[in-house]
Protein backbone atom coordinates (compact mmCIF):
# COMPACT_ATOMS: atom_id res chain seq x y z
CA MET A 1 190.64 356.95 90.18
CA SER A 2 189.51 353.50 89.22
CA ALA A 3 190.07 352.19 85.74
CA ALA A 4 187.12 352.19 83.24
CA LYS A 5 185.33 348.91 82.65
CA PRO A 6 185.98 347.37 79.26
CA LYS A 7 183.19 347.67 76.74
CA GLY A 8 181.27 344.47 75.86
CA LYS A 9 177.81 342.92 75.54
CA ASP A 10 175.45 343.61 78.36
CA PRO A 11 173.35 340.48 78.93
CA HIS A 12 170.60 342.60 80.45
CA ALA A 13 170.27 345.02 77.51
CA PRO A 14 167.00 344.74 75.37
CA PRO A 15 167.33 343.12 71.88
CA ILE A 16 167.64 345.35 68.87
CA ILE A 17 164.80 344.75 66.28
CA VAL A 18 165.34 345.84 62.68
CA LYS A 19 162.04 346.47 60.77
CA LYS A 20 162.22 346.56 56.98
CA ILE A 21 159.48 348.66 55.36
CA THR A 22 158.84 348.56 51.59
CA VAL A 23 157.27 351.80 50.37
CA VAL A 24 154.72 351.30 47.54
CA ALA A 25 154.12 354.35 45.41
CA GLY A 26 150.54 355.56 45.63
CA GLY A 27 148.38 358.52 44.79
CA HIS A 28 149.61 360.35 41.71
CA HIS A 29 152.59 357.99 41.56
CA GLY A 30 150.36 354.88 40.88
CA GLY A 31 149.19 353.36 37.53
CA ALA A 32 145.40 353.20 37.94
CA TRP A 33 144.92 356.65 36.41
CA LYS A 34 146.67 355.49 33.24
CA VAL A 35 143.98 352.88 32.59
CA ALA A 36 141.21 355.43 33.10
CA TYR A 37 143.00 357.91 30.84
CA ALA A 38 143.45 355.27 28.13
CA ASP A 39 139.70 354.52 28.24
CA PHE A 40 138.95 358.22 27.97
CA VAL A 41 141.27 358.68 24.98
CA THR A 42 139.71 355.63 23.26
CA ALA A 43 136.21 357.01 23.78
CA MET A 44 137.26 360.41 22.44
CA MET A 45 138.83 358.79 19.39
CA ALA A 46 135.60 356.88 18.70
CA PHE A 47 133.60 360.08 19.16
CA PHE A 48 135.73 362.09 16.71
CA LEU A 49 135.65 359.15 14.28
CA LEU A 50 131.84 359.25 14.45
CA LEU A 51 131.85 363.01 13.78
CA TRP A 52 134.14 362.46 10.80
CA LEU A 53 131.87 359.74 9.41
CA LEU A 54 128.81 361.96 9.75
CA GLY A 55 130.55 364.72 7.79
CA ALA A 56 132.26 362.60 5.15
CA THR A 57 129.43 360.22 4.13
CA THR A 58 126.15 360.53 2.26
CA GLU A 59 122.73 359.82 3.72
CA LYS A 60 122.61 356.44 1.95
CA GLN A 61 126.03 355.47 3.32
CA ARG A 62 125.04 356.52 6.84
CA LYS A 63 121.91 354.39 6.60
CA GLY A 64 124.02 351.41 5.58
CA ILE A 65 126.36 351.94 8.53
CA ALA A 66 123.42 352.27 10.91
CA ASP A 67 121.84 349.07 9.56
CA TYR A 68 125.12 347.22 10.04
CA PHE A 69 125.18 348.00 13.76
CA THR A 70 121.43 347.62 14.34
CA PRO A 71 120.79 344.48 16.43
CA THR A 72 117.29 343.84 15.05
CA LEU A 73 116.57 344.68 11.43
CA VAL A 74 112.81 344.18 11.20
CA LYS A 75 112.50 345.84 7.82
CA THR A 76 115.39 343.83 6.37
CA ARG A 77 113.95 340.59 7.69
CA GLN A 78 110.54 341.40 6.21
CA GLY A 79 112.15 342.08 2.85
CA SER A 80 114.00 338.81 2.59
CA ALA A 81 113.58 335.04 2.78
CA GLY A 82 110.71 334.69 0.32
CA SER A 83 109.71 338.31 -0.21
CA PHE A 84 109.24 340.93 -2.90
CA GLY A 85 110.51 341.13 -6.47
CA LEU A 86 109.87 339.44 -9.79
CA LEU A 87 109.39 335.87 -8.67
CA GLY A 88 112.26 336.68 -6.34
CA GLY A 89 110.99 334.93 -3.26
CA SER A 90 112.93 331.99 -1.97
CA SER A 91 112.97 329.85 1.13
CA LEU A 92 112.09 330.91 4.67
CA THR A 93 115.29 329.18 5.71
CA ASP A 94 117.51 331.11 3.28
CA VAL A 95 120.12 333.49 4.63
CA ASP A 96 118.53 336.90 5.20
CA ASN A 97 119.73 340.12 3.57
CA TYR A 98 121.77 341.38 6.50
CA GLN A 99 124.90 343.42 5.86
CA PHE A 100 126.96 340.76 7.67
CA ARG A 101 125.07 337.69 6.42
CA ALA A 102 128.26 335.61 6.40
CA GLY A 103 128.20 335.53 10.19
CA GLN A 104 124.77 333.93 10.43
CA THR A 105 125.71 330.41 9.53
CA GLY A 106 127.75 329.85 12.69
CA ASN A 107 129.62 326.66 13.39
CA LYS A 108 126.92 324.38 14.77
CA THR A 109 127.20 320.71 14.01
CA ILE A 110 124.21 319.11 12.30
CA THR A 111 123.33 315.52 11.58
CA VAL A 112 121.93 314.74 8.13
CA PRO A 113 119.77 311.60 8.10
CA ARG A 114 120.31 308.99 5.45
CA ASP A 115 118.24 308.96 2.26
CA THR A 116 117.72 312.74 2.32
CA ASN A 117 117.87 315.01 -0.69
CA GLY A 118 119.21 318.10 1.07
CA GLY A 119 117.56 321.39 1.87
CA PRO A 120 117.08 324.56 -0.15
CA LEU A 121 120.68 325.66 0.43
CA GLU A 122 122.10 322.29 -0.53
CA GLY A 123 120.25 322.01 -3.83
CA GLY A 124 117.60 319.59 -2.51
CA SER A 125 114.52 318.42 -4.36
CA LYS A 126 112.34 321.26 -3.04
CA ALA A 127 114.82 323.89 -4.17
CA LYS A 128 115.13 322.26 -7.59
CA ARG A 129 111.35 322.08 -7.86
CA THR A 130 111.06 325.78 -7.04
CA ALA A 131 113.79 326.75 -9.49
CA ALA A 132 112.14 324.75 -12.27
CA LEU A 133 108.75 326.33 -11.60
CA ARG A 134 110.25 329.83 -11.50
CA GLN A 135 112.03 329.24 -14.81
CA ARG A 136 108.86 327.98 -16.50
CA LEU A 137 106.89 330.97 -15.27
CA GLN A 138 109.48 333.52 -16.34
CA GLN A 139 109.75 332.03 -19.81
CA LYS A 140 105.99 332.00 -20.34
CA LEU A 141 105.43 335.47 -18.88
CA HIS A 142 108.16 337.15 -20.91
CA ALA A 143 107.07 335.40 -24.11
CA ASN A 144 103.96 337.61 -24.12
CA PRO A 145 104.54 341.41 -24.03
CA THR A 146 101.20 341.96 -22.29
CA LEU A 147 101.92 339.41 -19.58
CA ALA A 148 105.52 340.60 -19.23
CA ARG A 149 104.12 343.83 -17.78
CA LEU A 150 102.18 341.77 -15.23
CA ALA A 151 105.19 339.76 -14.08
CA GLY A 152 105.54 342.09 -11.11
CA GLN A 153 102.10 341.01 -9.92
CA VAL A 154 103.30 337.42 -9.44
CA ARG A 155 105.27 336.60 -6.32
CA MET A 156 106.70 333.18 -5.50
CA THR A 157 107.50 332.17 -1.92
CA MET A 158 108.78 328.95 -0.39
CA THR A 159 106.85 328.19 2.80
CA PRO A 160 106.94 325.25 5.25
CA ASP A 161 103.80 323.92 3.50
CA GLY A 162 105.03 324.26 -0.07
CA ILE A 163 105.49 326.82 -2.84
CA ARG A 164 103.01 329.71 -2.78
CA LEU A 165 102.16 331.87 -5.78
CA ASP A 166 100.50 335.23 -5.00
CA LEU A 167 98.69 336.98 -7.86
CA MET A 168 98.26 340.54 -6.62
CA ASP A 169 96.22 343.52 -7.76
CA ASN A 170 97.56 347.05 -7.96
CA ALA A 171 96.28 350.46 -9.03
CA ASP A 172 96.54 349.54 -12.74
CA PHE A 173 95.61 345.87 -12.69
CA SER A 174 92.81 343.86 -11.14
CA MET A 175 92.23 340.12 -11.24
CA PHE A 176 88.44 340.53 -10.97
CA ARG A 177 85.88 343.13 -11.90
CA LEU A 178 84.98 345.34 -8.96
CA GLY A 179 82.79 343.56 -6.43
CA THR A 180 82.31 340.46 -8.59
CA THR A 181 83.81 337.03 -9.22
CA LEU A 182 84.27 337.76 -12.94
CA LEU A 183 87.88 337.58 -14.10
CA THR A 184 89.28 340.37 -16.26
CA PRO A 185 90.69 339.35 -19.69
CA GLN A 186 94.27 339.96 -18.53
CA ALA A 187 93.69 337.82 -15.45
CA VAL A 188 92.43 334.96 -17.64
CA GLU A 189 95.65 335.13 -19.69
CA LEU A 190 97.71 335.22 -16.51
CA LEU A 191 95.94 332.20 -15.05
CA GLN A 192 96.46 330.32 -18.31
CA VAL A 193 100.22 330.83 -17.96
CA ILE A 194 100.07 329.84 -14.28
CA ALA A 195 98.16 326.67 -15.15
CA GLN A 196 100.69 325.72 -17.83
CA ALA A 197 103.54 326.26 -15.37
CA ILE A 198 102.08 324.24 -12.48
CA ALA A 199 100.50 321.46 -14.55
CA PRO A 200 103.67 319.29 -14.60
CA ASP A 201 103.83 319.37 -10.79
CA PRO A 202 101.77 316.43 -9.41
CA ASN A 203 101.35 317.78 -5.85
CA GLY A 204 98.11 319.00 -4.31
CA LEU A 205 96.85 322.58 -4.54
CA THR A 206 95.16 325.02 -2.21
CA VAL A 207 93.55 328.20 -3.56
CA ARG A 208 92.93 331.06 -1.14
CA GLY A 209 91.11 334.29 -1.94
CA HIS A 210 91.90 337.64 -0.28
CA THR A 211 90.11 340.99 -0.43
CA ASP A 212 90.84 344.47 0.84
CA SER A 213 88.92 346.05 3.72
CA LEU A 214 86.47 348.11 1.65
CA GLN A 215 82.99 347.48 3.00
CA TRP A 216 79.81 346.75 1.10
CA LYS A 217 76.74 348.95 1.11
CA PRO A 218 74.47 348.48 4.15
CA GLY A 219 71.80 345.88 3.45
CA ASP A 220 73.75 344.22 0.64
CA ALA A 221 73.62 340.45 0.96
CA ALA A 222 77.18 340.06 -0.35
CA ASN A 223 80.28 340.54 1.81
CA ASN A 224 84.04 340.12 1.63
CA TRP A 225 83.85 336.56 2.97
CA SER A 226 81.58 335.30 0.21
CA LEU A 227 83.46 337.39 -2.36
CA SER A 228 86.87 335.96 -1.47
CA ALA A 229 85.52 332.38 -1.45
CA GLY A 230 83.74 332.90 -4.77
CA ARG A 231 86.87 334.30 -6.39
CA ALA A 232 88.87 331.32 -5.13
CA GLU A 233 86.35 328.97 -6.76
CA THR A 234 86.49 330.93 -10.02
CA THR A 235 90.28 330.65 -9.96
CA ARG A 236 90.05 326.89 -9.41
CA GLN A 237 87.66 326.43 -12.33
CA THR A 238 89.86 328.54 -14.61
CA LEU A 239 92.98 326.55 -13.71
CA MET A 240 91.10 323.34 -14.47
CA ARG A 241 89.99 324.74 -17.83
CA PHE A 242 93.63 325.30 -18.76
CA GLY A 243 94.86 321.83 -17.86
CA VAL A 244 95.23 321.46 -14.07
CA ALA A 245 93.73 318.15 -12.93
CA GLU A 246 90.66 318.46 -10.68
CA LYS A 247 91.91 315.80 -8.24
CA ARG A 248 94.91 317.97 -7.31
CA PHE A 249 92.79 320.56 -5.47
CA ARG A 250 92.73 319.99 -1.72
CA ARG A 251 91.09 323.14 -0.32
CA ILE A 252 89.35 326.29 -1.53
CA GLU A 253 89.46 329.09 1.05
CA GLY A 254 88.13 332.62 1.36
CA VAL A 255 89.65 334.70 4.16
CA ALA A 256 88.21 338.14 3.23
CA ASP A 257 90.48 340.92 4.58
CA GLN A 258 91.81 338.99 7.60
CA GLU A 259 95.30 338.37 6.16
CA PRO A 260 96.37 341.64 4.49
CA LEU A 261 99.61 341.78 2.57
CA VAL A 262 100.05 345.48 3.43
CA THR A 263 99.19 345.49 7.12
CA GLY A 264 99.48 349.26 7.53
CA ALA A 265 96.91 349.96 4.78
CA PRO A 266 94.09 347.39 4.81
CA ASP A 267 92.39 349.10 1.84
CA ASP A 268 95.53 348.88 -0.34
CA PRO A 269 94.74 347.19 -3.69
CA ARG A 270 97.68 344.80 -3.20
CA ASN A 271 95.67 343.14 -0.43
CA ARG A 272 93.32 341.88 -3.15
CA ARG A 273 95.09 338.74 -4.31
CA MET A 274 94.79 335.05 -5.06
CA SER A 275 97.19 332.65 -3.35
CA ILE A 276 97.89 329.30 -4.99
CA LEU A 277 99.81 326.90 -2.77
CA LEU A 278 101.61 323.96 -4.37
CA MET A 279 101.74 321.63 -1.40
CA ASP A 280 104.72 319.45 -0.53
């Protein structure tokens, strides 16, 4: 029997390849489901928070919360920046009455030209002029008990063209006798106070008459156009009688019922008004 061959490397043997495989956990062992679950839990928390708010707040509080998250507050915007109240109007550029008004100013850079007096928020000349006029009107209106009750009929608004005073009718007060250009006694007293308040201001004036949408009898020669223009002229003459210089008047306009104050009710008595614009 021959002896066994010694063991060693066979030069003809195939090479041995070692393959290293890294196993990545998948399926229910992965982490993607955790993100989805976290989103679900967050949504459920927000949902239950909403249910709690609905049950723990009053109707007024819920309305305030809803207004805070409403992207467009049409009603709030209409009720601000020169709107309703006892001479409470201000500038069209003032900050509106949003719940989060502090976020409206932003951080934009502006350039202020030289020799400027500032705007309404910076205490400029126009803002000071408006404040002075408002103070004069309030003092004169509240000095007379009769006129103090009519203070709510006077609205002051800062517009791009100047300061506008609106003298409005309501169910208990009318500037003119029905269908005529004759001023009522209370309206004459009110215009006297208005004249005394605007007399120190040297700027030009525009008087605009407005009516409601009530129509005249068929065949009547008069109409809302002639009525509004005639009332504007009567207002001009009355202001002149109480001390406003004639040369200050720039335009007298009658627009009938084409620019209602209460757009949803064209026959509302508040649409009958006189607008006096103190031009810039």
